[in-house]
Amino acid sequence: MACVGYAGAAALVLSEVGSPRTRAAGFTGLTALMCMGTLANGVSRSPVERAIWTPVAGLTAALSWRARQGKIQDIVWL
């Protein structure tokens, strides 16, 4: 199930399809999902999850929130 969610998030980020309102709603959902992921990984018993996936989920949440606000062009993609 998570695979479908991540594929949908990738499609949202990579495509320019949809109205601004629809895209903003998608980015809001992605931000909420990644915030929950940050919390879940932060309280995990696994030190690897806490060390790797907590910052990854947190960074994804922050970047998706910036994209929701229309500031995606400020982000440099390597």
C-alpha atoms as a PDB file:
ATOM      1  CA  MET A   1       0.000   0.000   0.000  1.00  0.00           C
ATOM      2  CA  ALA A   2       2.827   2.390   0.794  1.00  0.00           C
ATOM      3  CA  CYS A   3       4.270   1.706  -2.657  1.00  0.00           C
ATOM      4  CA  VAL A   4       1.109   3.100  -4.255  1.00  0.00           C
ATOM      5  CA  GLY A   5       1.302   6.189  -2.060  1.00  0.00           C
ATOM      6  CA  TYR A   6       4.955   6.828  -2.892  1.00  0.00           C
ATOM      7  CA  ALA A   7       4.318   6.304  -6.612  1.00  0.00           C
ATOM      8  CA  GLY A   8       1.455   8.801  -6.453  1.00  0.00           C
ATOM      9  CA  ALA A   9       3.661  11.276  -4.611  1.00  0.00           C
ATOM     10  CA  ALA A  10       6.408  10.904  -7.212  1.00  0.00           C
ATOM     11  CA  ALA A  11       3.900  11.466 -10.015  1.00  0.00           C
ATOM     12  CA  LEU A  12       2.617  14.587  -8.244  1.00  0.00           C
ATOM     13  CA  VAL A  13       6.104  16.012  -7.843  1.00  0.00           C
ATOM     14  CA  LEU A  14       7.333  15.175 -11.332  1.00  0.00           C
ATOM     15  CA  SER A  15       4.257  16.177 -13.316  1.00  0.00           C
ATOM     16  CA  GLU A  16       2.696  19.567 -13.836  1.00  0.00           C
ATOM     17  CA  VAL A  17      -0.770  18.044 -14.322  1.00  0.00           C
ATOM     18  CA  GLY A  18      -3.784  19.290 -12.399  1.00  0.00           C
ATOM     19  CA  SER A  19      -5.085  22.594 -11.189  1.00  0.00           C
ATOM     20  CA  PRO A  20      -3.075  24.525  -8.594  1.00  0.00           C
ATOM     21  CA  ARG A  21      -5.746  23.721  -6.014  1.00  0.00           C
ATOM     22  CA  THR A  22      -5.564  19.972  -6.745  1.00  0.00           C
ATOM     23  CA  ARG A  23      -1.769  19.988  -6.612  1.00  0.00           C
ATOM     24  CA  ALA A  24      -1.816  21.949  -3.342  1.00  0.00           C
ATOM     25  CA  ALA A  25      -4.189  19.371  -1.842  1.00  0.00           C
ATOM     26  CA  GLY A  26      -1.885  16.561  -3.008  1.00  0.00           C
ATOM     27  CA  PHE A  27       1.169  18.241  -1.511  1.00  0.00           C
ATOM     28  CA  THR A  28      -0.729  18.835   1.731  1.00  0.00           C
ATOM     29  CA  GLY A  29      -1.542  15.120   1.913  1.00  0.00           C
ATOM     30  CA  LEU A  30       2.066  14.202   1.150  1.00  0.00           C
ATOM     31  CA  THR A  31       3.267  16.594   3.855  1.00  0.00           C
ATOM     32  CA  ALA A  32       0.892  15.041   6.398  1.00  0.00           C
ATOM     33  CA  LEU A  33       1.966  11.519   5.438  1.00  0.00           C
ATOM     34  CA  MET A  34       5.649  12.395   5.744  1.00  0.00           C
ATOM     35  CA  CYS A  35       5.092  14.133   9.105  1.00  0.00           C
ATOM     36  CA  MET A  36       3.478  10.955  10.409  1.00  0.00           C
ATOM     37  CA  GLY A  37       6.406   8.974   8.950  1.00  0.00           C
ATOM     38  CA  THR A  38       8.876  11.245  10.725  1.00  0.00           C
ATOM     39  CA  LEU A  39       7.137  10.669  14.049  1.00  0.00           C
ATOM     40  CA  ALA A  40       6.801   6.916  13.523  1.00  0.00           C
ATOM     41  CA  ASN A  41      10.442   6.516  12.536  1.00  0.00           C
ATOM     42  CA  GLY A  42      11.557   8.759  15.390  1.00  0.00           C
ATOM     43  CA  VAL A  43       9.998   6.493  18.019  1.00  0.00           C
ATOM     44  CA  SER A  44      11.074   3.257  16.325  1.00  0.00           C
ATOM     45  CA  ARG A  45      13.172   0.800  18.292  1.00  0.00           C
ATOM     46  CA  SER A  46      15.438   0.373  15.282  1.00  0.00           C
ATOM     47  CA  PRO A  47      18.482   2.660  15.443  1.00  0.00           C
ATOM     48  CA  VAL A  48      18.835   2.432  11.658  1.00  0.00           C
ATOM     49  CA  GLU A  49      15.289   3.716  11.136  1.00  0.00           C
ATOM     50  CA  ARG A  50      15.849   6.541  13.577  1.00  0.00           C
ATOM     51  CA  ALA A  51      19.192   7.477  12.016  1.00  0.00           C
ATOM     52  CA  ILE A  52      18.254   7.236   8.332  1.00  0.00           C
ATOM     53  CA  TRP A  53      14.503   7.348   7.780  1.00  0.00           C
ATOM     54  CA  THR A  54      13.585  10.003  10.353  1.00  0.00           C
ATOM     55  CA  PRO A  55      15.603  12.729   8.601  1.00  0.00           C
ATOM     56  CA  VAL A  56      14.576  11.494   5.135  1.00  0.00           C
ATOM     57  CA  ALA A  57      10.881  11.651   6.017  1.00  0.00           C
ATOM     58  CA  GLY A  58      11.349  15.021   7.719  1.00  0.00           C
ATOM     59  CA  LEU A  59      13.153  16.481   4.718  1.00  0.00           C
ATOM     60  CA  THR A  60      10.489  15.129   2.374  1.00  0.00           C
ATOM     61  CA  ALA A  61       7.799  16.741   4.539  1.00  0.00           C
ATOM     62  CA  ALA A  62       9.577  20.099   4.494  1.00  0.00           C
ATOM     63  CA  LEU A  63      10.177  20.014   0.740  1.00  0.00           C
ATOM     64  CA  SER A  64       6.610  18.983  -0.055  1.00  0.00           C
ATOM     65  CA  TRP A  65       5.319  21.838   2.103  1.00  0.00           C
ATOM     66  CA  ARG A  66       7.537  24.283   0.204  1.00  0.00           C
ATOM     67  CA  ALA A  67       6.280  22.840  -3.077  1.00  0.00           C
ATOM     68  CA  ARG A  68       2.706  23.301  -1.869  1.00  0.00           C
ATOM     69  CA  GLN A  69       3.445  26.974  -1.321  1.00  0.00           C
ATOM     70  CA  GLY A  70       4.768  27.286  -4.876  1.00  0.00           C
ATOM     71  CA  LYS A  71       8.404  27.598  -3.829  1.00  0.00           C
ATOM     72  CA  ILE A  72       9.576  24.466  -5.610  1.00  0.00           C
ATOM     73  CA  GLN A  73      11.758  26.503  -7.991  1.00  0.00           C
ATOM     74  CA  ASP A  74      13.881  27.504  -4.967  1.00  0.00           C
ATOM     75  CA  ILE A  75      15.013  23.905  -4.581  1.00  0.00           C
ATOM     76  CA  VAL A  76      18.066  22.864  -6.568  1.00  0.00           C
ATOM     77  CA  TRP A  77      17.682  19.360  -8.041  1.00  0.00           C
ATOM     78  CA  LEU A  78      20.934  17.521  -8.617  1.00  0.00           C
END
